[in-house]
Amino acid sequence: MIISEKTKDTIGDYLEVLGTYDPHTNKANLKTDRIQYWISKGAQASGVIHNLLISHKIITGDKIKVANIKKKEGEEKPVAETPKAAEPQAETAAPAPETPQPKTDTPEAGKTETPAA
């Protein structure tokens, strides 16, 4: 965590390092007094940092919603599920024929054998 001016690039130019956080182990090394100092001067934390500071009881208040995950248009149901839902209705409406029908799409299906003269 760093403190930076709004107009500055946060990659290379910051005012002070306020702590570190390892999300794999959920271990934070935060400078509580410096964080409270900068917040008292008007610094604003990002949403994720705000929630982290509340979790570690450095500041008080309610957590804010930071992730806004939306589905893309037309992704309400997967395509594979739609035909399966309609398939049982089609089976009950039209019973399967009992006798097999000859195939007409193969070249041999339309040929008949003629006896040699």
PDB file of N, CA and C in Angstrom:
ATOM      1  N   MET A   1       0.839  -1.170   0.000  1.00  0.00           N
ATOM      2  CA  MET A   1       0.000   0.000   0.000  1.00  0.00           C
ATOM      3  C   MET A   1       0.883   1.231   0.000  1.00  0.00           C
ATOM      4  N   ILE A   2       0.464   2.153  -0.837  1.00  0.00           N
ATOM      5  CA  ILE A   2       1.214   3.406  -0.909  1.00  0.00           C
ATOM      6  C   ILE A   2       0.246   4.570  -0.819  1.00  0.00           C
ATOM      7  N   ILE A   3       0.786   5.727  -0.559  1.00  0.00           N
ATOM      8  CA  ILE A   3       0.027   6.973  -0.628  1.00  0.00           C
ATOM      9  C   ILE A   3       0.601   7.762  -1.785  1.00  0.00           C
ATOM     10  N   SER A   4      -0.283   8.257  -2.637  1.00  0.00           N
ATOM     11  CA  SER A   4       0.159   8.972  -3.826  1.00  0.00           C
ATOM     12  C   SER A   4      -0.801  10.110  -4.113  1.00  0.00           C
ATOM     13  N   GLU A   5      -0.299  11.114  -4.793  1.00  0.00           N
ATOM     14  CA  GLU A   5      -1.171  12.188  -5.247  1.00  0.00           C
ATOM     15  C   GLU A   5      -2.006  11.689  -6.414  1.00  0.00           C
ATOM     16  N   LYS A   6      -3.179  12.255  -6.549  1.00  0.00           N
ATOM     17  CA  LYS A   6      -4.097  11.794  -7.592  1.00  0.00           C
ATOM     18  C   LYS A   6      -3.530  12.008  -8.991  1.00  0.00           C
ATOM     19  N   THR A   7      -2.790  13.059  -9.180  1.00  0.00           N
ATOM     20  CA  THR A   7      -2.273  13.393 -10.503  1.00  0.00           C
ATOM     21  C   THR A   7      -0.969  12.680 -10.842  1.00  0.00           C
ATOM     22  N   LYS A   8      -0.391  11.964  -9.907  1.00  0.00           N
ATOM     23  CA  LYS A   8       0.891  11.298 -10.126  1.00  0.00           C
ATOM     24  C   LYS A   8       0.695   9.846 -10.545  1.00  0.00           C
ATOM     25  N   ASP A   9       1.696   9.289 -11.199  1.00  0.00           N
ATOM     26  CA  ASP A   9       1.713   7.883 -11.582  1.00  0.00           C
ATOM     27  C   ASP A   9       2.051   7.048 -10.350  1.00  0.00           C
ATOM     28  N   THR A  10       1.191   6.076 -10.029  1.00  0.00           N
ATOM     29  CA  THR A  10       1.399   5.294  -8.806  1.00  0.00           C
ATOM     30  C   THR A  10       2.482   4.231  -8.960  1.00  0.00           C
ATOM     31  N   ILE A  11       2.912   3.955 -10.183  1.00  0.00           N
ATOM     32  CA  ILE A  11       3.943   2.936 -10.389  1.00  0.00           C
ATOM     33  C   ILE A  11       5.305   3.432  -9.903  1.00  0.00           C
ATOM     34  N   GLY A  12       5.672   4.628 -10.253  1.00  0.00           N
ATOM     35  CA  GLY A  12       7.022   5.066  -9.942  1.00  0.00           C
ATOM     36  C   GLY A  12       7.108   6.229  -8.975  1.00  0.00           C
ATOM     37  N   ASP A  13       6.030   6.983  -8.806  1.00  0.00           N
ATOM     38  CA  ASP A  13       6.110   8.194  -8.004  1.00  0.00           C
ATOM     39  C   ASP A  13       5.028   8.155  -6.922  1.00  0.00           C
ATOM     40  N   TYR A  14       5.443   7.945  -5.671  1.00  0.00           N
ATOM     41  CA  TYR A  14       4.500   7.930  -4.558  1.00  0.00           C
ATOM     42  C   TYR A  14       5.107   8.676  -3.388  1.00  0.00           C
ATOM     43  N   LEU A  15       4.268   9.023  -2.424  1.00  0.00           N
ATOM     44  CA  LEU A  15       4.739   9.792  -1.284  1.00  0.00           C
ATOM     45  C   LEU A  15       5.319   8.912  -0.178  1.00  0.00           C
ATOM     46  N   GLU A  16       4.625   7.798   0.122  1.00  0.00           N
ATOM     47  CA  GLU A  16       5.064   6.968   1.248  1.00  0.00           C
ATOM     48  C   GLU A  16       4.491   5.560   1.116  1.00  0.00           C
ATOM     49  N   VAL A  17       5.262   4.579   1.581  1.00  0.00           N
ATOM     50  CA  VAL A  17       4.775   3.195   1.644  1.00  0.00           C
ATOM     51  C   VAL A  17       4.087   3.020   2.996  1.00  0.00           C
ATOM     52  N   LEU A  18       2.822   2.591   2.960  1.00  0.00           N
ATOM     53  CA  LEU A  18       2.041   2.455   4.187  1.00  0.00           C
ATOM     54  C   LEU A  18       1.888   1.012   4.655  1.00  0.00           C
ATOM     55  N   GLY A  19       2.340   0.064   3.866  1.00  0.00           N
ATOM     56  CA  GLY A  19       2.252  -1.317   4.304  1.00  0.00           C
ATOM     57  C   GLY A  19       2.234  -2.273   3.135  1.00  0.00           C
ATOM     58  N   THR A  20       2.169  -3.565   3.481  1.00  0.00           N
ATOM     59  CA  THR A  20       2.102  -4.613   2.474  1.00  0.00           C
ATOM     60  C   THR A  20       0.992  -5.577   2.853  1.00  0.00           C
ATOM     61  N   TYR A  21       0.529  -6.335   1.848  1.00  0.00           N
ATOM     62  CA  TYR A  21      -0.527  -7.318   2.072  1.00  0.00           C
ATOM     63  C   TYR A  21      -0.273  -8.519   1.175  1.00  0.00           C
ATOM     64  N   ASP A  22      -0.305  -9.719   1.769  1.00  0.00           N
ATOM     65  CA  ASP A  22      -0.144 -10.958   1.017  1.00  0.00           C
ATOM     66  C   ASP A  22      -1.500 -11.652   0.975  1.00  0.00           C
ATOM     67  N   PRO A  23      -2.177 -11.670  -0.176  1.00  0.00           N
ATOM     68  CA  PRO A  23      -3.514 -12.269  -0.235  1.00  0.00           C
ATOM     69  C   PRO A  23      -3.509 -13.789  -0.100  1.00  0.00           C
ATOM     70  N   HIS A  24      -2.387 -14.437  -0.356  1.00  0.00           N
ATOM     71  CA  HIS A  24      -2.317 -15.897  -0.242  1.00  0.00           C
ATOM     72  C   HIS A  24      -2.376 -16.350   1.217  1.00  0.00           C
ATOM     73  N   THR A  25      -1.726 -15.601   2.077  1.00  0.00           N
ATOM     74  CA  THR A  25      -1.713 -15.961   3.496  1.00  0.00           C
ATOM     75  C   THR A  25      -2.616 -15.051   4.316  1.00  0.00           C
ATOM     76  N   ASN A  26      -3.191 -14.030   3.692  1.00  0.00           N
ATOM     77  CA  ASN A  26      -4.049 -13.043   4.346  1.00  0.00           C
ATOM     78  C   ASN A  26      -3.295 -12.309   5.464  1.00  0.00           C
ATOM     79  N   LYS A  27      -2.008 -12.105   5.253  1.00  0.00           N
ATOM     80  CA  LYS A  27      -1.166 -11.430   6.234  1.00  0.00           C
ATOM     81  C   LYS A  27      -0.903 -10.004   5.770  1.00  0.00           C
ATOM     82  N   ALA A  28      -1.137  -9.063   6.668  1.00  0.00           N
ATOM     83  CA  ALA A  28      -0.928  -7.659   6.354  1.00  0.00           C
ATOM     84  C   ALA A  28       0.097  -7.067   7.315  1.00  0.00           C
ATOM     85  N   ASN A  29       0.953  -6.234   6.782  1.00  0.00           N
ATOM     86  CA  ASN A  29       1.926  -5.496   7.569  1.00  0.00           C
ATOM     87  C   ASN A  29       1.637  -4.021   7.299  1.00  0.00           C
ATOM     88  N   LEU A  30       0.794  -3.414   8.147  1.00  0.00           N
ATOM     89  CA  LEU A  30       0.314  -2.056   7.908  1.00  0.00           C
ATOM     90  C   LEU A  30       0.826  -1.095   8.969  1.00  0.00           C
ATOM     91  N   LYS A  31       1.154   0.126   8.529  1.00  0.00           N
ATOM     92  CA  LYS A  31       1.574   1.187   9.444  1.00  0.00           C
ATOM     93  C   LYS A  31       0.311   1.947   9.866  1.00  0.00           C
ATOM     94  N   THR A  32      -0.286   1.491  10.963  1.00  0.00           N
ATOM     95  CA  THR A  32      -1.586   1.999  11.403  1.00  0.00           C
ATOM     96  C   THR A  32      -1.561   3.503  11.669  1.00  0.00           C
ATOM     97  N   ASP A  33      -0.551   3.982  12.371  1.00  0.00           N
ATOM     98  CA  ASP A  33      -0.509   5.404  12.706  1.00  0.00           C
ATOM     99  C   ASP A  33      -0.371   6.277  11.465  1.00  0.00           C
ATOM    100  N   ARG A  34       0.414   5.847  10.482  1.00  0.00           N
ATOM    101  CA  ARG A  34       0.591   6.637   9.256  1.00  0.00           C
ATOM    102  C   ARG A  34      -0.668   6.594   8.383  1.00  0.00           C
ATOM    103  N   ILE A  35      -1.351   5.454   8.378  1.00  0.00           N
ATOM    104  CA  ILE A  35      -2.600   5.356   7.609  1.00  0.00           C
ATOM    105  C   ILE A  35      -3.636   6.292   8.204  1.00  0.00           C
ATOM    106  N   GLN A  36      -3.772   6.301   9.524  1.00  0.00           N
ATOM    107  CA  GLN A  36      -4.734   7.195  10.175  1.00  0.00           C
ATOM    108  C   GLN A  36      -4.350   8.657   9.979  1.00  0.00           C
ATOM    109  N   TYR A  37      -3.062   8.947   9.956  1.00  0.00           N
ATOM    110  CA  TYR A  37      -2.603  10.320   9.711  1.00  0.00           C
ATOM    111  C   TYR A  37      -3.043  10.793   8.329  1.00  0.00           C
ATOM    112  N   TRP A  38      -2.777  10.007   7.299  1.00  0.00           N
ATOM    113  CA  TRP A  38      -3.105  10.411   5.942  1.00  0.00           C
ATOM    114  C   TRP A  38      -4.614  10.501   5.728  1.00  0.00           C
ATOM    115  N   ILE A  39      -5.367   9.612   6.347  1.00  0.00           N
ATOM    116  CA  ILE A  39      -6.833   9.693   6.229  1.00  0.00           C
ATOM    117  C   ILE A  39      -7.341  10.958   6.912  1.00  0.00           C
ATOM    118  N   SER A  40      -6.725  11.347   8.024  1.00  0.00           N
ATOM    119  CA  SER A  40      -7.132  12.585   8.702  1.00  0.00           C
ATOM    120  C   SER A  40      -6.806  13.815   7.852  1.00  0.00           C
ATOM    121  N   LYS A  41      -5.820  13.708   6.977  1.00  0.00           N
ATOM    122  CA  LYS A  41      -5.460  14.814   6.089  1.00  0.00           C
ATOM    123  C   LYS A  41      -6.320  14.850   4.825  1.00  0.00           C
ATOM    124  N   GLY A  42      -7.222  13.859   4.675  1.00  0.00           N
ATOM    125  CA  GLY A  42      -8.124  13.875   3.531  1.00  0.00           C
ATOM    126  C   GLY A  42      -7.847  12.822   2.478  1.00  0.00           C
ATOM    127  N   ALA A  43      -6.900  11.947   2.742  1.00  0.00           N
ATOM    128  CA  ALA A  43      -6.619  10.892   1.770  1.00  0.00           C
ATOM    129  C   ALA A  43      -7.806   9.931   1.717  1.00  0.00           C
ATOM    130  N   GLN A  44      -8.077   9.417   0.522  1.00  0.00           N
ATOM    131  CA  GLN A  44      -9.183   8.478   0.329  1.00  0.00           C
ATOM    132  C   GLN A  44      -8.625   7.150  -0.156  1.00  0.00           C
ATOM    133  N   ALA A  45      -9.074   6.089   0.480  1.00  0.00           N
ATOM    134  CA  ALA A  45      -8.630   4.750   0.102  1.00  0.00           C
ATOM    135  C   ALA A  45      -9.495   4.226  -1.034  1.00  0.00           C
ATOM    136  N   SER A  46      -8.908   3.374  -1.860  1.00  0.00           N
ATOM    137  CA  SER A  46      -9.702   2.717  -2.890  1.00  0.00           C
ATOM    138  C   SER A  46     -10.674   1.762  -2.203  1.00  0.00           C
ATOM    139  N   GLY A  47     -11.630   1.226  -2.932  1.00  0.00           N
ATOM    140  CA  GLY A  47     -12.633   0.361  -2.349  1.00  0.00           C
ATOM    141  C   GLY A  47     -12.058  -0.875  -1.691  1.00  0.00           C
ATOM    142  N   VAL A  48     -11.120  -1.524  -2.379  1.00  0.00           N
ATOM    143  CA  VAL A  48     -10.513  -2.741  -1.836  1.00  0.00           C
ATOM    144  C   VAL A  48      -9.702  -2.415  -0.588  1.00  0.00           C
ATOM    145  N   ILE A  49      -8.926  -1.344  -0.622  1.00  0.00           N
ATOM    146  CA  ILE A  49      -8.117  -0.956   0.538  1.00  0.00           C
ATOM    147  C   ILE A  49      -9.015  -0.520   1.683  1.00  0.00           C
ATOM    148  N   HIS A  50     -10.101   0.166   1.383  1.00  0.00           N
ATOM    149  CA  HIS A  50     -11.062   0.572   2.404  1.00  0.00           C
ATOM    150  C   HIS A  50     -11.581  -0.653   3.151  1.00  0.00           C
ATOM    151  N   ASN A  51     -11.983  -1.692   2.406  1.00  0.00           N
ATOM    152  CA  ASN A  51     -12.487  -2.922   3.017  1.00  0.00           C
ATOM    153  C   ASN A  51     -11.391  -3.644   3.808  1.00  0.00           C
ATOM    154  N   LEU A  52     -10.156  -3.602   3.319  1.00  0.00           N
ATOM    155  CA  LEU A  52      -9.035  -4.219   4.028  1.00  0.00           C
ATOM    156  C   LEU A  52      -8.778  -3.503   5.351  1.00  0.00           C
ATOM    157  N   LEU A  53      -8.839  -2.181   5.337  1.00  0.00           N
ATOM    158  CA  LEU A  53      -8.619  -1.413   6.561  1.00  0.00           C
ATOM    159  C   LEU A  53      -9.726  -1.666   7.576  1.00  0.00           C
ATOM    160  N   ILE A  54     -10.957  -1.851   7.117  1.00  0.00           N
ATOM    161  CA  ILE A  54     -12.056  -2.180   8.024  1.00  0.00           C
ATOM    162  C   ILE A  54     -11.857  -3.576   8.599  1.00  0.00           C
ATOM    163  N   SER A  55     -11.437  -4.528   7.777  1.00  0.00           N
ATOM    164  CA  SER A  55     -11.204  -5.896   8.249  1.00  0.00           C
ATOM    165  C   SER A  55     -10.127  -5.954   9.325  1.00  0.00           C
ATOM    166  N   HIS A  56      -9.117  -5.107   9.206  1.00  0.00           N
ATOM    167  CA  HIS A  56      -8.029  -5.085  10.184  1.00  0.00           C
ATOM    168  C   HIS A  56      -8.262  -4.055  11.291  1.00  0.00           C
ATOM    169  N   LYS A  57      -9.482  -3.506  11.344  1.00  0.00           N
ATOM    170  CA  LYS A  57      -9.919  -2.582  12.399  1.00  0.00           C
ATOM    171  C   LYS A  57      -9.042  -1.337  12.522  1.00  0.00           C
ATOM    172  N   ILE A  58      -8.555  -0.856  11.386  1.00  0.00           N
ATOM    173  CA  ILE A  58      -7.783   0.383  11.380  1.00  0.00           C
ATOM    174  C   ILE A  58      -8.732   1.570  11.261  1.00  0.00           C
ATOM    175  N   ILE A  59      -9.787   1.394  10.479  1.00  0.00           N
ATOM    176  CA  ILE A  59     -10.845   2.399  10.388  1.00  0.00           C
ATOM    177  C   ILE A  59     -12.173   1.711  10.698  1.00  0.00           C
ATOM    178  N   THR A  60     -13.175   2.526  10.990  1.00  0.00           N
ATOM    179  CA  THR A  60     -14.494   1.967  11.277  1.00  0.00           C
ATOM    180  C   THR A  60     -15.459   2.380  10.170  1.00  0.00           C
ATOM    181  N   GLY A  61     -16.507   1.639  10.056  1.00  0.00           N
ATOM    182  CA  GLY A  61     -17.515   1.930   9.046  1.00  0.00           C
ATOM    183  C   GLY A  61     -17.988   0.651   8.392  1.00  0.00           C
ATOM    184  N   ASP A  62     -18.774   0.810   7.364  1.00  0.00           N
ATOM    185  CA  ASP A  62     -19.302  -0.323   6.627  1.00  0.00           C
ATOM    186  C   ASP A  62     -18.420  -0.600   5.417  1.00  0.00           C
ATOM    187  N   LYS A  63     -18.323  -1.876   5.080  1.00  0.00           N
ATOM    188  CA  LYS A  63     -17.606  -2.239   3.861  1.00  0.00           C
ATOM    189  C   LYS A  63     -18.425  -1.802   2.662  1.00  0.00           C
ATOM    190  N   ILE A  64     -17.738  -1.538   1.575  1.00  0.00           N
ATOM    191  CA  ILE A  64     -18.418  -1.123   0.352  1.00  0.00           C
ATOM    192  C   ILE A  64     -18.286  -2.210  -0.701  1.00  0.00           C
ATOM    193  N   LYS A  65     -19.246  -2.252  -1.595  1.00  0.00           N
ATOM    194  CA  LYS A  65     -19.219  -3.232  -2.673  1.00  0.00           C
ATOM    195  C   LYS A  65     -18.240  -2.741  -3.736  1.00  0.00           C
ATOM    196  N   VAL A  66     -17.261  -3.567  -4.060  1.00  0.00           N
ATOM    197  CA  VAL A  66     -16.249  -3.138  -5.021  1.00  0.00           C
ATOM    198  C   VAL A  66     -16.290  -3.924  -6.316  1.00  0.00           C
ATOM    199  N   ALA A  67     -16.741  -5.162  -6.289  1.00  0.00           N
ATOM    200  CA  ALA A  67     -16.782  -5.979  -7.504  1.00  0.00           C
ATOM    201  C   ALA A  67     -18.159  -5.856  -8.128  1.00  0.00           C
ATOM    202  N   ASN A  68     -18.187  -5.492  -9.391  1.00  0.00           N
ATOM    203  CA  ASN A  68     -19.441  -5.368 -10.111  1.00  0.00           C
ATOM    204  C   ASN A  68     -19.363  -6.308 -11.303  1.00  0.00           C
ATOM    205  N   ILE A  69     -19.635  -7.579 -11.054  1.00  0.00           N
ATOM    206  CA  ILE A  69     -19.528  -8.591 -12.096  1.00  0.00           C
ATOM    207  C   ILE A  69     -20.876  -8.715 -12.783  1.00  0.00           C
ATOM    208  N   LYS A  70     -20.891  -8.463 -14.078  1.00  0.00           N
ATOM    209  CA  LYS A  70     -22.123  -8.549 -14.847  1.00  0.00           C
ATOM    210  C   LYS A  70     -21.974  -9.614 -15.913  1.00  0.00           C
ATOM    211  N   LYS A  71     -23.081 -10.290 -16.200  1.00  0.00           N
ATOM    212  CA  LYS A  71     -23.078 -11.241 -17.298  1.00  0.00           C
ATOM    213  C   LYS A  71     -23.200 -10.466 -18.599  1.00  0.00           C
ATOM    214  N   LYS A  72     -22.576 -10.994 -19.626  1.00  0.00           N
ATOM    215  CA  LYS A  72     -22.701 -10.380 -20.939  1.00  0.00           C
ATOM    216  C   LYS A  72     -24.098 -10.636 -21.465  1.00  0.00           C
ATOM    217  N   GLU A  73     -24.546  -9.794 -22.368  1.00  0.00           N
ATOM    218  CA  GLU A  73     -25.875  -9.954 -22.926  1.00  0.00           C
ATOM    219  C   GLU A  73     -25.991 -11.296 -23.627  1.00  0.00           C
ATOM    220  N   GLY A  74     -27.090 -11.997 -23.389  1.00  0.00           N
ATOM    221  CA  GLY A  74     -27.331 -13.269 -24.042  1.00  0.00           C
ATOM    222  C   GLY A  74     -26.681 -14.449 -23.358  1.00  0.00           C
ATOM    223  N   GLU A  75     -26.081 -14.274 -22.195  1.00  0.00           N
ATOM    224  CA  GLU A  75     -25.423 -15.376 -21.493  1.00  0.00           C
ATOM    225  C   GLU A  75     -26.224 -15.820 -20.275  1.00  0.00           C
ATOM    226  N   GLU A  76     -27.532 -15.701 -20.329  1.00  0.00           N
ATOM    227  CA  GLU A  76     -28.339 -16.091 -19.185  1.00  0.00           C
ATOM    228  C   GLU A  76     -28.307 -17.595 -18.966  1.00  0.00           C
ATOM    229  N   LYS A  77     -28.434 -18.376 -20.042  1.00  0.00           N
ATOM    230  CA  LYS A  77     -28.374 -19.826 -19.947  1.00  0.00           C
ATOM    231  C   LYS A  77     -27.351 -20.333 -20.950  1.00  0.00           C
ATOM    232  N   PRO A  78     -26.593 -21.333 -20.586  1.00  0.00           N
ATOM    233  CA  PRO A  78     -25.682 -21.923 -21.560  1.00  0.00           C
ATOM    234  C   PRO A  78     -26.457 -22.546 -22.716  1.00  0.00           C
ATOM    235  N   VAL A  79     -25.889 -22.534 -23.889  1.00  0.00           N
ATOM    236  CA  VAL A  79     -26.559 -23.033 -25.083  1.00  0.00           C
ATOM    237  C   VAL A  79     -26.836 -24.523 -24.976  1.00  0.00           C
ATOM    238  N   ALA A  80     -25.989 -25.278 -24.333  1.00  0.00           N
ATOM    239  CA  ALA A  80     -26.138 -26.729 -24.253  1.00  0.00           C
ATOM    240  C   ALA A  80     -27.372 -27.134 -23.447  1.00  0.00           C
ATOM    241  N   GLU A  81     -27.835 -26.313 -22.524  1.00  0.00           N
ATOM    242  CA  GLU A  81     -28.971 -26.677 -21.691  1.00  0.00           C
ATOM    243  C   GLU A  81     -30.301 -26.473 -22.396  1.00  0.00           C
ATOM    244  N   THR A  82     -30.405 -25.579 -23.339  1.00  0.00           N
ATOM    245  CA  THR A  82     -31.674 -25.285 -23.987  1.00  0.00           C
ATOM    246  C   THR A  82     -32.226 -26.464 -24.779  1.00  0.00           C
ATOM    247  N   PRO A  83     -31.479 -27.162 -25.646  1.00  0.00           N
ATOM    248  CA  PRO A  83     -32.048 -28.293 -26.361  1.00  0.00           C
ATOM    249  C   PRO A  83     -32.430 -29.457 -25.453  1.00  0.00           C
ATOM    250  N   LYS A  84     -31.708 -29.694 -24.391  1.00  0.00           N
ATOM    251  CA  LYS A  84     -32.024 -30.790 -23.491  1.00  0.00           C
ATOM    252  C   LYS A  84     -33.373 -30.573 -22.821  1.00  0.00           C
ATOM    253  N   ALA A  85     -33.703 -29.343 -22.513  1.00  0.00           N
ATOM    254  CA  ALA A  85     -34.972 -29.068 -21.869  1.00  0.00           C
ATOM    255  C   ALA A  85     -36.135 -29.300 -22.844  1.00  0.00           C
ATOM    256  N   ALA A  86     -35.951 -29.038 -24.131  1.00  0.00           N
ATOM    257  CA  ALA A  86     -37.007 -29.206 -25.116  1.00  0.00           C
ATOM    258  C   ALA A  86     -37.093 -30.642 -25.630  1.00  0.00           C
ATOM    259  N   GLU A  87     -36.054 -31.437 -25.464  1.00  0.00           N
ATOM    260  CA  GLU A  87     -36.002 -32.791 -26.009  1.00  0.00           C
ATOM    261  C   GLU A  87     -37.068 -33.730 -25.439  1.00  0.00           C
ATOM    262  N   PRO A  88     -37.330 -33.788 -24.125  1.00  0.00           N
ATOM    263  CA  PRO A  88     -38.344 -34.702 -23.622  1.00  0.00           C
ATOM    264  C   PRO A  88     -39.744 -34.389 -24.154  1.00  0.00           C
ATOM    265  N   GLN A  89     -40.070 -33.141 -24.388  1.00  0.00           N
ATOM    266  CA  GLN A  89     -41.373 -32.791 -24.931  1.00  0.00           C
ATOM    267  C   GLN A  89     -41.512 -33.294 -26.357  1.00  0.00           C
ATOM    268  N   ALA A  90     -40.454 -33.252 -27.138  1.00  0.00           N
ATOM    269  CA  ALA A  90     -40.508 -33.704 -28.520  1.00  0.00           C
ATOM    270  C   ALA A  90     -40.702 -35.218 -28.579  1.00  0.00           C
ATOM    271  N   GLU A  91     -40.125 -35.945 -27.642  1.00  0.00           N
ATOM    272  CA  GLU A  91     -40.270 -37.398 -27.634  1.00  0.00           C
ATOM    273  C   GLU A  91     -41.699 -37.812 -27.305  1.00  0.00           C
ATOM    274  N   THR A  92     -42.364 -37.138 -26.421  1.00  0.00           N
ATOM    275  CA  THR A  92     -43.722 -37.513 -26.055  1.00  0.00           C
ATOM    276  C   THR A  92     -44.725 -37.081 -27.113  1.00  0.00           C
ATOM    277  N   ALA A  93     -44.455 -36.062 -27.866  1.00  0.00           N
ATOM    278  CA  ALA A  93     -45.390 -35.575 -28.875  1.00  0.00           C
ATOM    279  C   ALA A  93     -45.366 -36.461 -30.125  1.00  0.00           C
ATOM    280  N   ALA A  94     -44.209 -36.936 -30.529  1.00  0.00           N
ATOM    281  CA  ALA A  94     -44.104 -37.747 -31.736  1.00  0.00           C
ATOM    282  C   ALA A  94     -43.464 -39.083 -31.379  1.00  0.00           C
ATOM    283  N   PRO A  95     -44.243 -40.186 -31.376  1.00  0.00           N
ATOM    284  CA  PRO A  95     -43.647 -41.474 -31.039  1.00  0.00           C
ATOM    285  C   PRO A  95     -42.715 -41.950 -32.146  1.00  0.00           C
ATOM    286  N   ALA A  96     -41.713 -42.707 -31.754  1.00  0.00           N
ATOM    287  CA  ALA A  96     -40.743 -43.219 -32.709  1.00  0.00           C
ATOM    288  C   ALA A  96     -41.385 -44.327 -33.551  1.00  0.00           C
ATOM    289  N   PRO A  97     -41.084 -44.385 -34.853  1.00  0.00           N
ATOM    290  CA  PRO A  97     -41.663 -45.443 -35.686  1.00  0.00           C
ATOM    291  C   PRO A  97     -41.116 -46.812 -35.288  1.00  0.00           C
ATOM    292  N   GLU A  98     -41.981 -47.846 -35.415  1.00  0.00           N
ATOM    293  CA  GLU A  98     -41.582 -49.186 -34.994  1.00  0.00           C
ATOM    294  C   GLU A  98     -40.740 -49.890 -36.056  1.00  0.00           C
ATOM    295  N   THR A  99     -40.991 -49.608 -37.321  1.00  0.00           N
ATOM    296  CA  THR A  99     -40.240 -50.257 -38.388  1.00  0.00           C
ATOM    297  C   THR A  99     -39.180 -49.306 -38.894  1.00  0.00           C
ATOM    298  N   PRO A 100     -37.987 -49.801 -39.139  1.00  0.00           N
ATOM    299  CA  PRO A 100     -36.933 -48.911 -39.639  1.00  0.00           C
ATOM    300  C   PRO A 100     -37.220 -48.496 -41.076  1.00  0.00           C
ATOM    301  N   GLN A 101     -36.934 -47.269 -41.377  1.00  0.00           N
ATOM    302  CA  GLN A 101     -37.124 -46.724 -42.715  1.00  0.00           C
ATOM    303  C   GLN A 101     -35.839 -46.910 -43.506  1.00  0.00           C
ATOM    304  N   PRO A 102     -35.927 -47.195 -44.821  1.00  0.00           N
ATOM    305  CA  PRO A 102     -34.701 -47.335 -45.622  1.00  0.00           C
ATOM    306  C   PRO A 102     -34.014 -45.992 -45.777  1.00  0.00           C
ATOM    307  N   LYS A 103     -32.709 -46.039 -45.826  1.00  0.00           N
ATOM    308  CA  LYS A 103     -31.934 -44.816 -45.991  1.00  0.00           C
ATOM    309  C   LYS A 103     -31.924 -44.447 -47.461  1.00  0.00           C
ATOM    310  N   THR A 104     -32.157 -43.172 -47.725  1.00  0.00           N
ATOM    311  CA  THR A 104     -32.189 -42.709 -49.111  1.00  0.00           C
ATOM    312  C   THR A 104     -31.012 -41.818 -49.448  1.00  0.00           C
ATOM    313  N   ASP A 105     -30.188 -41.495 -48.475  1.00  0.00           N
ATOM    314  CA  ASP A 105     -29.076 -40.594 -48.742  1.00  0.00           C
ATOM    315  C   ASP A 105     -27.819 -41.318 -49.208  1.00  0.00           C
ATOM    316  N   THR A 106     -27.791 -42.641 -49.243  1.00  0.00           N
ATOM    317  CA  THR A 106     -26.628 -43.375 -49.722  1.00  0.00           C
ATOM    318  C   THR A 106     -26.851 -43.798 -51.169  1.00  0.00           C
ATOM    319  N   PRO A 107     -25.837 -43.924 -51.979  1.00  0.00           N
ATOM    320  CA  PRO A 107     -26.022 -44.273 -53.391  1.00  0.00           C
ATOM    321  C   PRO A 107     -26.603 -45.669 -53.584  1.00  0.00           C
ATOM    322  N   GLU A 108     -26.359 -46.596 -52.687  1.00  0.00           N
ATOM    323  CA  GLU A 108     -26.843 -47.963 -52.838  1.00  0.00           C
ATOM    324  C   GLU A 108     -28.318 -48.096 -52.495  1.00  0.00           C
ATOM    325  N   ALA A 109     -28.896 -47.138 -51.804  1.00  0.00           N
ATOM    326  CA  ALA A 109     -30.266 -47.279 -51.328  1.00  0.00           C
ATOM    327  C   ALA A 109     -31.273 -47.286 -52.474  1.00  0.00           C
ATOM    328  N   GLY A 110     -31.052 -46.572 -53.548  1.00  0.00           N
ATOM    329  CA  GLY A 110     -32.027 -46.491 -54.624  1.00  0.00           C
ATOM    330  C   GLY A 110     -31.834 -47.537 -55.695  1.00  0.00           C
ATOM    331  N   LYS A 111     -30.779 -48.339 -55.650  1.00  0.00           N
ATOM    332  CA  LYS A 111     -30.488 -49.316 -56.698  1.00  0.00           C
ATOM    333  C   LYS A 111     -31.251 -50.621 -56.440  1.00  0.00           C
ATOM    334  N   THR A 112     -31.686 -51.219 -57.502  1.00  0.00           N
ATOM    335  CA  THR A 112     -32.297 -52.561 -57.401  1.00  0.00           C
ATOM    336  C   THR A 112     -31.509 -53.488 -58.294  1.00  0.00           C
ATOM    337  N   GLU A 113     -31.422 -54.733 -57.914  1.00  0.00           N
ATOM    338  CA  GLU A 113     -30.665 -55.695 -58.725  1.00  0.00           C
ATOM    339  C   GLU A 113     -31.559 -56.219 -59.833  1.00  0.00           C
ATOM    340  N   THR A 114     -31.005 -56.261 -61.009  1.00  0.00           N
ATOM    341  CA  THR A 114     -31.746 -56.833 -62.141  1.00  0.00           C
ATOM    342  C   THR A 114     -31.127 -58.172 -62.509  1.00  0.00           C
ATOM    343  N   PRO A 115     -31.953 -59.164 -62.785  1.00  0.00           N
ATOM    344  CA  PRO A 115     -31.406 -60.460 -63.145  1.00  0.00           C
ATOM    345  C   PRO A 115     -30.719 -60.398 -64.503  1.00  0.00           C
ATOM    346  N   ALA A 116     -29.679 -61.142 -64.664  1.00  0.00           N
ATOM    347  CA  ALA A 116     -28.934 -61.169 -65.943  1.00  0.00           C
ATOM    348  C   ALA A 116     -29.735 -61.974 -66.953  1.00  0.00           C
ATOM    349  N   ALA A 117     -29.800 -61.531 -68.179  1.00  0.00           N
ATOM    350  CA  ALA A 117     -30.602 -62.203 -69.184  1.00  0.00           C
ATOM    351  C   ALA A 117     -29.893 -63.258 -69.941  1.00  0.00           C
TER     352      ALA A 117
END
